[in-house]
Amino acid sequence: MLRQQGGQYLTCAIIEKDFPEGPRRYELIRADTHSSAEEAKAFAILKARRLIDEQGDRLFG
């Protein structure tokens, strides 16, 4: 998921997980900006992994 703001790319990601009652999703959007799409993607992955490690399933609550 890429979003641009003023010629820069925002840190954005969609985190999804399947649960017995169906899939749930969390949209990660941060104010951090990056000059390239590749840089934004790499940073979004790092942020998403950290958030998953810290929050676990509570992220979808």
PDB file of N, CA and C in Angstrom:
ATOM      1  N   MET A   1       0.852  -1.160   0.000  1.00  0.00           N
ATOM      2  CA  MET A   1       0.000   0.000   0.000  1.00  0.00           C
ATOM      3  C   MET A   1       0.906   1.233   0.000  1.00  0.00           C
ATOM      4  N   LEU A   2       0.793   2.058  -0.996  1.00  0.00           N
ATOM      5  CA  LEU A   2       1.594   3.275  -1.074  1.00  0.00           C
ATOM      6  C   LEU A   2       0.702   4.503  -1.046  1.00  0.00           C
ATOM      7  N   ARG A   3       1.119   5.489  -0.279  1.00  0.00           N
ATOM      8  CA  ARG A   3       0.419   6.767  -0.258  1.00  0.00           C
ATOM      9  C   ARG A   3       1.457   7.874  -0.362  1.00  0.00           C
ATOM     10  N   GLN A   4       1.143   8.839  -1.197  1.00  0.00           N
ATOM     11  CA  GLN A   4       2.037   9.972  -1.357  1.00  0.00           C
ATOM     12  C   GLN A   4       1.464  11.197  -0.673  1.00  0.00           C
ATOM     13  N   GLN A   5       2.374  12.024  -0.195  1.00  0.00           N
ATOM     14  CA  GLN A   5       1.975  13.282   0.421  1.00  0.00           C
ATOM     15  C   GLN A   5       3.062  14.296   0.095  1.00  0.00           C
ATOM     16  N   GLY A   6       2.724  15.286  -0.696  1.00  0.00           N
ATOM     17  CA  GLY A   6       3.672  16.327  -1.038  1.00  0.00           C
ATOM     18  C   GLY A   6       4.931  15.829  -1.719  1.00  0.00           C
ATOM     19  N   GLY A   7       4.811  14.850  -2.598  1.00  0.00           N
ATOM     20  CA  GLY A   7       5.967  14.319  -3.309  1.00  0.00           C
ATOM     21  C   GLY A   7       6.774  13.306  -2.527  1.00  0.00           C
ATOM     22  N   GLN A   8       6.363  13.011  -1.307  1.00  0.00           N
ATOM     23  CA  GLN A   8       7.017  12.021  -0.456  1.00  0.00           C
ATOM     24  C   GLN A   8       6.077  10.838  -0.262  1.00  0.00           C
ATOM     25  N   TYR A   9       6.617   9.720   0.178  1.00  0.00           N
ATOM     26  CA  TYR A   9       5.813   8.530   0.445  1.00  0.00           C
ATOM     27  C   TYR A   9       5.651   8.343   1.941  1.00  0.00           C
ATOM     28  N   LEU A  10       4.417   8.080   2.363  1.00  0.00           N
ATOM     29  CA  LEU A  10       4.120   7.826   3.769  1.00  0.00           C
ATOM     30  C   LEU A  10       4.410   6.372   4.126  1.00  0.00           C
ATOM     31  N   THR A  11       4.648   6.133   5.413  1.00  0.00           N
ATOM     32  CA  THR A  11       4.795   4.767   5.914  1.00  0.00           C
ATOM     33  C   THR A  11       3.401   4.186   6.075  1.00  0.00           C
ATOM     34  N   CYS A  12       3.052   3.200   5.237  1.00  0.00           N
ATOM     35  CA  CYS A  12       1.726   2.581   5.266  1.00  0.00           C
ATOM     36  C   CYS A  12       1.843   1.081   5.031  1.00  0.00           C
ATOM     37  N   ALA A  13       0.953   0.336   5.667  1.00  0.00           N
ATOM     38  CA  ALA A  13       0.910  -1.113   5.455  1.00  0.00           C
ATOM     39  C   ALA A  13      -0.458  -1.623   5.876  1.00  0.00           C
ATOM     40  N   ILE A  14      -0.823  -2.754   5.339  1.00  0.00           N
ATOM     41  CA  ILE A  14      -2.028  -3.458   5.765  1.00  0.00           C
ATOM     42  C   ILE A  14      -1.576  -4.770   6.386  1.00  0.00           C
ATOM     43  N   ILE A  15      -1.985  -4.992   7.635  1.00  0.00           N
ATOM     44  CA  ILE A  15      -1.647  -6.211   8.348  1.00  0.00           C
ATOM     45  C   ILE A  15      -2.926  -7.033   8.447  1.00  0.00           C
ATOM     46  N   GLU A  16      -2.885  -8.260   7.962  1.00  0.00           N
ATOM     47  CA  GLU A  16      -4.069  -9.118   7.965  1.00  0.00           C
ATOM     48  C   GLU A  16      -3.767 -10.436   8.663  1.00  0.00           C
ATOM     49  N   LYS A  17      -4.791 -10.988   9.299  1.00  0.00           N
ATOM     50  CA  LYS A  17      -4.658 -12.293   9.934  1.00  0.00           C
ATOM     51  C   LYS A  17      -6.006 -12.996   9.886  1.00  0.00           C
ATOM     52  N   ASP A  18      -5.961 -14.293   9.624  1.00  0.00           N
ATOM     53  CA  ASP A  18      -7.172 -15.104   9.630  1.00  0.00           C
ATOM     54  C   ASP A  18      -7.461 -15.593  11.039  1.00  0.00           C
ATOM     55  N   PHE A  19      -8.706 -15.420  11.470  1.00  0.00           N
ATOM     56  CA  PHE A  19      -9.202 -15.894  12.752  1.00  0.00           C
ATOM     57  C   PHE A  19     -10.345 -16.865  12.475  1.00  0.00           C
ATOM     58  N   PRO A  20     -10.728 -17.688  13.456  1.00  0.00           N
ATOM     59  CA  PRO A  20     -11.838 -18.634  13.238  1.00  0.00           C
ATOM     60  C   PRO A  20     -13.120 -17.947  12.762  1.00  0.00           C
ATOM     61  N   GLU A  21     -13.366 -16.719  13.224  1.00  0.00           N
ATOM     62  CA  GLU A  21     -14.575 -15.997  12.817  1.00  0.00           C
ATOM     63  C   GLU A  21     -14.387 -15.217  11.523  1.00  0.00           C
ATOM     64  N   GLY A  22     -13.212 -15.309  10.941  1.00  0.00           N
ATOM     65  CA  GLY A  22     -12.954 -14.650   9.664  1.00  0.00           C
ATOM     66  C   GLY A  22     -11.711 -13.770   9.726  1.00  0.00           C
ATOM     67  N   PRO A  23     -11.300 -13.266   8.573  1.00  0.00           N
ATOM     68  CA  PRO A  23     -10.090 -12.435   8.534  1.00  0.00           C
ATOM     69  C   PRO A  23     -10.312 -11.065   9.162  1.00  0.00           C
ATOM     70  N   ARG A  24      -9.249 -10.551   9.751  1.00  0.00           N
ATOM     71  CA  ARG A  24      -9.262  -9.189  10.293  1.00  0.00           C
ATOM     72  C   ARG A  24      -8.076  -8.455   9.711  1.00  0.00           C
ATOM     73  N   ARG A  25      -8.210  -7.143   9.646  1.00  0.00           N
ATOM     74  CA  ARG A  25      -7.121  -6.350   9.083  1.00  0.00           C
ATOM     75  C   ARG A  25      -6.909  -5.078   9.886  1.00  0.00           C
ATOM     76  N   TYR A  26      -5.680  -4.622   9.864  1.00  0.00           N
ATOM     77  CA  TYR A  26      -5.275  -3.404  10.543  1.00  0.00           C
ATOM     78  C   TYR A  26      -4.517  -2.557   9.534  1.00  0.00           C
ATOM     79  N   GLU A  27      -4.885  -1.305   9.415  1.00  0.00           N
ATOM     80  CA  GLU A  27      -4.180  -0.400   8.509  1.00  0.00           C
ATOM     81  C   GLU A  27      -3.190   0.429   9.311  1.00  0.00           C
ATOM     82  N   LEU A  28      -1.931   0.270   8.979  1.00  0.00           N
ATOM     83  CA  LEU A  28      -0.845   1.006   9.615  1.00  0.00           C
ATOM     84  C   LEU A  28      -0.535   2.221   8.763  1.00  0.00           C
ATOM     85  N   ILE A  29      -0.732   3.402   9.315  1.00  0.00           N
ATOM     86  CA  ILE A  29      -0.415   4.645   8.610  1.00  0.00           C
ATOM     87  C   ILE A  29       0.317   5.543   9.600  1.00  0.00           C
ATOM     88  N   ARG A  30       1.524   5.920   9.235  1.00  0.00           N
ATOM     89  CA  ARG A  30       2.343   6.768  10.088  1.00  0.00           C
ATOM     90  C   ARG A  30       2.715   8.051   9.343  1.00  0.00           C
ATOM     91  N   ALA A  31       3.099   9.052  10.070  1.00  0.00           N
ATOM     92  CA  ALA A  31       3.447  10.345   9.482  1.00  0.00           C
ATOM     93  C   ALA A  31       4.850  10.364   8.879  1.00  0.00           C
ATOM     94  N   ASP A  32       5.641   9.313   9.117  1.00  0.00           N
ATOM     95  CA  ASP A  32       6.989   9.257   8.559  1.00  0.00           C
ATOM     96  C   ASP A  32       6.923   9.347   7.038  1.00  0.00           C
ATOM     97  N   THR A  33       7.809  10.145   6.445  1.00  0.00           N
ATOM     98  CA  THR A  33       7.841  10.256   4.990  1.00  0.00           C
ATOM     99  C   THR A  33       9.201   9.818   4.459  1.00  0.00           C
ATOM    100  N   HIS A  34       9.185   9.365   3.197  1.00  0.00           N
ATOM    101  CA  HIS A  34      10.378   8.822   2.551  1.00  0.00           C
ATOM    102  C   HIS A  34      10.439   9.343   1.120  1.00  0.00           C
ATOM    103  N   SER A  35      11.645   9.481   0.611  1.00  0.00           N
ATOM    104  CA  SER A  35      11.818  10.049  -0.727  1.00  0.00           C
ATOM    105  C   SER A  35      11.551   9.051  -1.846  1.00  0.00           C
ATOM    106  N   SER A  36      11.584   7.750  -1.540  1.00  0.00           N
ATOM    107  CA  SER A  36      11.329   6.756  -2.584  1.00  0.00           C
ATOM    108  C   SER A  36      10.320   5.723  -2.099  1.00  0.00           C
ATOM    109  N   ALA A  37       9.647   5.101  -3.052  1.00  0.00           N
ATOM    110  CA  ALA A  37       8.666   4.057  -2.732  1.00  0.00           C
ATOM    111  C   ALA A  37       9.351   2.860  -2.075  1.00  0.00           C
ATOM    112  N   GLU A  38      10.539   2.508  -2.554  1.00  0.00           N
ATOM    113  CA  GLU A  38      11.264   1.360  -2.010  1.00  0.00           C
ATOM    114  C   GLU A  38      11.642   1.590  -0.545  1.00  0.00           C
ATOM    115  N   GLU A  39      12.075   2.792  -0.240  1.00  0.00           N
ATOM    116  CA  GLU A  39      12.428   3.136   1.137  1.00  0.00           C
ATOM    117  C   GLU A  39      11.196   3.081   2.034  1.00  0.00           C
ATOM    118  N   ALA A  40      10.085   3.590   1.543  1.00  0.00           N
ATOM    119  CA  ALA A  40       8.834   3.572   2.315  1.00  0.00           C
ATOM    120  C   ALA A  40       8.369   2.148   2.564  1.00  0.00           C
ATOM    121  N   LYS A  41       8.469   1.288   1.556  1.00  0.00           N
ATOM    122  CA  LYS A  41       8.063  -0.114   1.720  1.00  0.00           C
ATOM    123  C   LYS A  41       8.923  -0.823   2.757  1.00  0.00           C
ATOM    124  N   ALA A  42      10.229  -0.646   2.667  1.00  0.00           N
ATOM    125  CA  ALA A  42      11.142  -1.304   3.601  1.00  0.00           C
ATOM    126  C   ALA A  42      10.874  -0.847   5.036  1.00  0.00           C
ATOM    127  N   PHE A  43      10.657   0.452   5.231  1.00  0.00           N
ATOM    128  CA  PHE A  43      10.397   0.979   6.563  1.00  0.00           C
ATOM    129  C   PHE A  43       9.041   0.499   7.083  1.00  0.00           C
ATOM    130  N   ALA A  44       8.048   0.414   6.204  1.00  0.00           N
ATOM    131  CA  ALA A  44       6.720  -0.060   6.605  1.00  0.00           C
ATOM    132  C   ALA A  44       6.781  -1.503   7.083  1.00  0.00           C
ATOM    133  N   ILE A  45       7.589  -2.317   6.425  1.00  0.00           N
ATOM    134  CA  ILE A  45       7.745  -3.713   6.851  1.00  0.00           C
ATOM    135  C   ILE A  45       8.362  -3.776   8.244  1.00  0.00           C
ATOM    136  N   LEU A  46       9.394  -2.978   8.478  1.00  0.00           N
ATOM    137  CA  LEU A  46      10.020  -2.945   9.805  1.00  0.00           C
ATOM    138  C   LEU A  46       9.027  -2.507  10.876  1.00  0.00           C
ATOM    139  N   LYS A  47       8.268  -1.452  10.593  1.00  0.00           N
ATOM    140  CA  LYS A  47       7.275  -0.950  11.548  1.00  0.00           C
ATOM    141  C   LYS A  47       6.190  -1.989  11.818  1.00  0.00           C
ATOM    142  N   ALA A  48       5.719  -2.638  10.755  1.00  0.00           N
ATOM    143  CA  ALA A  48       4.662  -3.642  10.905  1.00  0.00           C
ATOM    144  C   ALA A  48       5.152  -4.821  11.740  1.00  0.00           C
ATOM    145  N   ARG A  49       6.356  -5.298  11.470  1.00  0.00           N
ATOM    146  CA  ARG A  49       6.907  -6.417  12.257  1.00  0.00           C
ATOM    147  C   ARG A  49       7.043  -6.044  13.729  1.00  0.00           C
ATOM    148  N   ARG A  50       7.516  -4.838  13.985  1.00  0.00           N
ATOM    149  CA  ARG A  50       7.667  -4.389  15.370  1.00  0.00           C
ATOM    150  C   ARG A  50       6.308  -4.308  16.061  1.00  0.00           C
ATOM    151  N   LEU A  51       5.320  -3.782  15.366  1.00  0.00           N
ATOM    152  CA  LEU A  51       3.976  -3.669  15.925  1.00  0.00           C
ATOM    153  C   LEU A  51       3.371  -5.044  16.209  1.00  0.00           C
ATOM    154  N   ILE A  52       3.564  -5.979  15.302  1.00  0.00           N
ATOM    155  CA  ILE A  52       3.063  -7.338  15.498  1.00  0.00           C
ATOM    156  C   ILE A  52       3.752  -7.981  16.695  1.00  0.00           C
ATOM    157  N   ASP A  53       5.068  -7.817  16.799  1.00  0.00           N
ATOM    158  CA  ASP A  53       5.811  -8.379  17.925  1.00  0.00           C
ATOM    159  C   ASP A  53       5.349  -7.786  19.261  1.00  0.00           C
ATOM    160  N   GLU A  54       5.068  -6.489  19.278  1.00  0.00           N
ATOM    161  CA  GLU A  54       4.657  -5.810  20.512  1.00  0.00           C
ATOM    162  C   GLU A  54       3.198  -6.080  20.882  1.00  0.00           C
ATOM    163  N   GLN A  55       2.299  -6.083  19.894  1.00  0.00           N
ATOM    164  CA  GLN A  55       0.868  -6.149  20.151  1.00  0.00           C
ATOM    165  C   GLN A  55       0.256  -7.540  19.988  1.00  0.00           C
ATOM    166  N   GLY A  56       0.823  -8.343  19.094  1.00  0.00           N
ATOM    167  CA  GLY A  56       0.246  -9.660  18.828  1.00  0.00           C
ATOM    168  C   GLY A  56      -1.190  -9.526  18.337  1.00  0.00           C
ATOM    169  N   ASP A  57      -2.050 -10.439  18.762  1.00  0.00           N
ATOM    170  CA  ASP A  57      -3.454 -10.427  18.332  1.00  0.00           C
ATOM    171  C   ASP A  57      -4.242  -9.233  18.854  1.00  0.00           C
ATOM    172  N   ARG A  58      -3.743  -8.570  19.893  1.00  0.00           N
ATOM    173  CA  ARG A  58      -4.435  -7.370  20.397  1.00  0.00           C
ATOM    174  C   ARG A  58      -4.523  -6.285  19.349  1.00  0.00           C
ATOM    175  N   LEU A  59      -3.643  -6.350  18.380  1.00  0.00           N
ATOM    176  CA  LEU A  59      -3.639  -5.382  17.291  1.00  0.00           C
ATOM    177  C   LEU A  59      -4.988  -5.350  16.563  1.00  0.00           C
ATOM    178  N   PHE A  60      -5.668  -6.479  16.537  1.00  0.00           N
ATOM    179  CA  PHE A  60      -6.932  -6.599  15.808  1.00  0.00           C
ATOM    180  C   PHE A  60      -8.156  -6.413  16.699  1.00  0.00           C
ATOM    181  N   GLY A  61      -7.939  -6.107  17.963  1.00  0.00           N
ATOM    182  CA  GLY A  61      -9.031  -5.995  18.912  1.00  0.00           C
ATOM    183  C   GLY A  61      -9.814  -4.757  18.745  1.00  0.00           C
TER     184      GLY A  61
END
